[in-house]
Amino acid sequence: MEPNAEQSPPPAPIDGGEAPPGSGLMRTMIVLIMVLAIGAAAYLLSGRSGPRDATNLVGLVGTEKIEPVTLLEASDPGEIEDMLREETGFRLRVPTIVGADIVGVGTWDAGRNVRIPVVMYDDPSGDVTRVIVMNYAILDQISAAVFLDKSIRTELEQDRSYAVVPGAENREIVLWREGDDIFLAIADNGAGRLISRIKQPGSGTQG
């Protein structure tokens, strides 16, 4: 018999290779970053009450000067309310700011063909000169272009409630609610001073 041919060594097992040091940690960090990014996006979107291309009303008021086009010069709240109803189709209250005289009503161009009602005041103290006047129905009508974010709506869930938001140049934006009506004003001398002068129906002044 011939001697058996020399047998070749068995093939070496396929080596999948070891993962580079730290690669597992890197994958974990990438996953974590993705989760945080998705969560942040969801949080930002959840604070909106309108389409992505709509403008945040509070942000707009905080950066733009409210310069309404005058519709009527008058000091009688009844006349102002009649003009507001003619302009908007809704019966809107006229805010009473103790010590400030009503001088007229107009509309402010908020962009994208949206005109927002504004009551104008003569205030010797300079606390307030313009108050935006709306209600929930008007906010729904203009929500495709201008919206009030959910956090503010939540703060105003209760009747006769207030919300204060920082604005530009150290000014504060004050929002308050009377029934279904929503009011928004720039408090040039601080939110506390303005709120203390707001007279709501049946409650006297605040503060």
Protein backbone atom coordinates (compact mmCIF):
# COMPACT_ATOMS: atom_id res chain seq x y z
CA MET A 1 0.00 0.00 0.00
CA GLU A 2 1.10 3.45 -0.72
CA PRO A 3 1.43 5.63 2.28
CA ASN A 4 -1.41 8.12 2.74
CA ALA A 5 -0.75 11.45 1.13
CA GLU A 6 0.07 14.11 3.60
CA GLN A 7 -3.18 15.69 4.68
CA SER A 8 -3.48 19.46 4.58
CA PRO A 9 -4.45 21.13 7.82
CA PRO A 10 -8.16 21.84 8.23
CA PRO A 11 -9.26 25.31 7.12
CA ALA A 12 -9.05 27.90 9.80
CA PRO A 13 -12.36 29.08 11.11
CA ILE A 14 -13.64 32.31 9.62
CA ASP A 15 -12.70 35.12 11.93
CA GLY A 16 -15.38 37.76 12.16
CA GLY A 17 -12.89 40.08 13.71
CA GLU A 18 -13.17 41.86 16.97
CA ALA A 19 -15.06 45.15 17.17
CA PRO A 20 -12.78 48.15 17.52
CA PRO A 21 -12.55 49.35 21.07
CA GLY A 22 -15.36 51.80 21.92
CA SER A 23 -17.58 50.99 18.91
CA GLY A 24 -20.39 49.75 21.15
CA LEU A 25 -20.31 52.97 23.11
CA MET A 26 -20.35 54.97 19.88
CA ARG A 27 -23.47 53.13 18.65
CA THR A 28 -25.17 53.75 21.98
CA MET A 29 -24.39 57.45 21.79
CA ILE A 30 -25.72 57.71 18.23
CA VAL A 31 -28.97 56.02 19.24
CA LEU A 32 -29.27 58.30 22.26
CA ILE A 33 -28.72 61.42 20.15
CA MET A 34 -31.39 60.28 17.69
CA VAL A 35 -33.87 59.68 20.50
CA LEU A 36 -33.17 63.10 22.00
CA ALA A 37 -33.54 64.80 18.60
CA ILE A 38 -36.87 63.10 17.95
CA GLY A 39 -38.07 64.04 21.43
CA ALA A 40 -37.04 67.67 21.00
CA ALA A 41 -38.81 67.91 17.65
CA ALA A 42 -41.96 66.41 19.13
CA TYR A 43 -41.82 68.86 22.03
CA LEU A 44 -41.47 71.86 19.74
CA LEU A 45 -44.27 70.72 17.49
CA SER A 46 -46.53 70.00 20.45
CA GLY A 47 -46.35 73.66 21.48
CA ARG A 48 -47.85 74.82 18.23
CA SER A 49 -51.49 75.32 17.40
CA GLY A 50 -51.08 75.97 13.70
CA PRO A 51 -49.31 74.80 10.54
CA ARG A 52 -45.52 74.83 10.42
CA ASP A 53 -45.47 77.92 8.19
CA ALA A 54 -47.87 79.86 10.44
CA THR A 55 -46.57 82.72 12.60
CA ASN A 56 -46.60 82.64 16.38
CA LEU A 57 -48.72 85.64 17.42
CA VAL A 58 -46.90 86.23 20.72
CA GLY A 59 -43.51 86.02 19.01
CA LEU A 60 -44.68 88.46 16.34
CA VAL A 61 -45.98 90.96 18.89
CA GLY A 62 -42.75 90.62 20.84
CA THR A 63 -40.62 91.68 17.90
CA GLU A 64 -42.84 93.88 15.73
CA LYS A 65 -44.26 97.31 16.56
CA ILE A 66 -48.05 97.35 16.66
CA GLU A 67 -49.07 100.18 14.31
CA PRO A 68 -52.81 99.84 13.62
CA VAL A 69 -54.73 101.56 10.86
CA THR A 70 -57.40 103.62 12.60
CA LEU A 71 -61.00 102.66 11.86
CA LEU A 72 -62.69 104.92 14.39
CA GLU A 73 -61.62 107.60 16.83
CA ALA A 74 -63.92 107.39 19.85
CA SER A 75 -63.86 107.23 23.64
CA ASP A 76 -67.18 105.44 24.16
CA PRO A 77 -66.66 101.68 24.68
CA GLY A 78 -70.08 101.02 23.12
CA GLU A 79 -69.03 102.72 19.88
CA ILE A 80 -65.78 100.78 19.88
CA GLU A 81 -67.62 97.49 20.41
CA ASP A 82 -70.01 98.31 17.54
CA MET A 83 -67.04 98.93 15.23
CA LEU A 84 -65.37 95.71 16.37
CA ARG A 85 -68.56 93.80 15.59
CA GLU A 86 -68.83 95.43 12.18
CA GLU A 87 -65.20 94.62 11.41
CA THR A 88 -65.02 91.06 12.79
CA GLY A 89 -68.61 89.84 12.93
CA PHE A 90 -68.24 89.16 16.66
CA ARG A 91 -69.28 91.00 19.80
CA LEU A 92 -65.95 91.68 21.54
CA ARG A 93 -65.45 93.35 24.89
CA VAL A 94 -63.37 96.50 25.17
CA PRO A 95 -60.79 96.12 27.97
CA THR A 96 -60.90 98.66 30.78
CA ILE A 97 -57.47 99.86 31.93
CA VAL A 98 -57.92 102.01 35.01
CA GLY A 99 -56.48 105.49 34.40
CA ALA A 100 -56.13 105.01 30.63
CA ASP A 101 -58.55 106.65 28.20
CA ILE A 102 -59.87 104.81 25.15
CA VAL A 103 -59.18 106.88 22.04
CA GLY A 104 -60.07 104.60 19.15
CA VAL A 105 -59.97 101.25 17.41
CA GLY A 106 -58.12 99.98 14.37
CA THR A 107 -56.65 96.91 12.73
CA TRP A 108 -53.05 95.75 12.66
CA ASP A 109 -51.55 93.98 9.66
CA ALA A 110 -50.03 90.75 11.00
CA GLY A 111 -49.05 89.56 7.51
CA ARG A 112 -50.56 87.10 5.03
CA ASN A 113 -53.73 89.22 4.71
CA VAL A 114 -54.50 88.90 8.42
CA ARG A 115 -55.71 92.07 10.11
CA ILE A 116 -56.09 91.93 13.89
CA PRO A 117 -58.37 94.28 15.88
CA VAL A 118 -56.60 96.71 18.20
CA VAL A 119 -58.08 99.08 20.79
CA MET A 120 -55.99 102.22 21.31
CA TYR A 121 -55.48 104.08 24.59
CA ASP A 122 -54.07 107.35 25.88
CA ASP A 123 -52.25 106.38 29.08
CA PRO A 124 -50.40 109.14 30.95
CA SER A 125 -48.28 106.55 32.76
CA GLY A 126 -47.16 104.96 29.48
CA ASP A 127 -47.94 101.44 30.69
CA VAL A 128 -50.05 100.56 27.65
CA THR A 129 -51.16 102.18 24.39
CA ARG A 130 -52.41 99.23 22.31
CA VAL A 131 -54.44 96.14 23.21
CA ILE A 132 -55.12 93.39 20.68
CA VAL A 133 -58.70 92.15 20.99
CA MET A 134 -59.76 88.68 19.78
CA ASN A 135 -61.73 85.62 20.73
CA TYR A 136 -61.28 81.89 20.20
CA ALA A 137 -63.38 81.96 17.02
CA ILE A 138 -61.11 84.61 15.47
CA LEU A 139 -58.02 82.65 16.51
CA ASP A 140 -59.45 79.59 14.76
CA GLN A 141 -60.18 81.62 11.63
CA ILE A 142 -56.62 82.96 11.32
CA SER A 143 -54.78 79.87 12.61
CA ALA A 144 -53.49 78.92 9.14
CA ALA A 145 -51.47 82.15 9.13
CA VAL A 146 -51.17 83.29 12.75
CA PHE A 147 -51.58 81.11 15.84
CA LEU A 148 -51.56 81.28 19.63
CA ASP A 149 -49.36 78.47 20.93
CA LYS A 150 -50.71 75.71 23.12
CA SER A 151 -48.77 76.69 26.21
CA ILE A 152 -50.48 80.09 26.26
CA ARG A 153 -53.89 78.53 25.60
CA THR A 154 -53.27 76.23 28.56
CA GLU A 155 -52.42 79.15 30.84
CA LEU A 156 -55.64 80.88 29.76
CA GLU A 157 -57.90 77.86 30.22
CA GLN A 158 -59.59 79.48 33.21
CA ASP A 159 -61.74 82.57 32.82
CA ARG A 160 -60.11 85.77 34.10
CA SER A 161 -56.66 84.21 33.91
CA TYR A 162 -53.37 85.81 32.84
CA ALA A 163 -50.20 84.83 31.03
CA VAL A 164 -46.95 86.81 30.86
CA VAL A 165 -44.30 86.26 28.18
CA PRO A 166 -40.94 88.05 27.82
CA GLY A 167 -40.70 90.38 24.83
CA ALA A 168 -37.99 92.40 23.14
CA GLU A 169 -36.14 95.25 24.86
CA ASN A 170 -36.95 93.99 28.37
CA ARG A 171 -40.67 94.52 27.82
CA GLU A 172 -43.29 91.95 28.76
CA ILE A 173 -46.32 90.70 26.86
CA VAL A 174 -49.47 90.31 28.93
CA LEU A 175 -52.37 88.14 27.80
CA TRP A 176 -55.64 87.79 29.66
CA ARG A 177 -59.04 86.26 29.17
CA GLU A 178 -62.60 87.45 29.78
CA GLY A 179 -65.07 84.75 28.81
CA ASP A 180 -64.22 83.77 25.24
CA ASP A 181 -62.36 87.02 24.60
CA ILE A 182 -58.56 87.10 24.57
CA PHE A 183 -56.53 90.29 25.01
CA LEU A 184 -52.85 90.89 24.38
CA ALA A 185 -50.79 93.96 25.24
CA ILE A 186 -47.19 95.09 25.52
CA ALA A 187 -46.48 96.14 29.11
CA ASP A 188 -43.88 98.86 28.63
CA ASN A 189 -43.36 99.34 32.38
CA GLY A 190 -43.72 95.77 33.59
CA ALA A 191 -46.48 93.17 33.58
CA GLY A 192 -47.33 93.61 37.25
CA ARG A 193 -48.18 97.27 36.85
CA LEU A 194 -50.41 96.65 33.87
CA ILE A 195 -52.21 93.66 35.39
CA SER A 196 -52.96 95.67 38.54
CA ARG A 197 -54.82 98.20 36.39
CA ILE A 198 -56.92 95.78 34.34
CA LYS A 199 -60.57 95.88 35.38
CA GLN A 200 -62.44 92.70 34.54
CA PRO A 201 -66.24 92.50 34.60
CA GLY A 202 -67.58 92.12 38.14
CA SER A 203 -64.13 91.75 39.70
CA GLY A 204 -62.71 95.24 40.03
CA THR A 205 -59.06 95.82 39.30
CA GLN A 206 -56.52 93.03 39.63
CA GLY A 207 -53.55 92.79 41.98
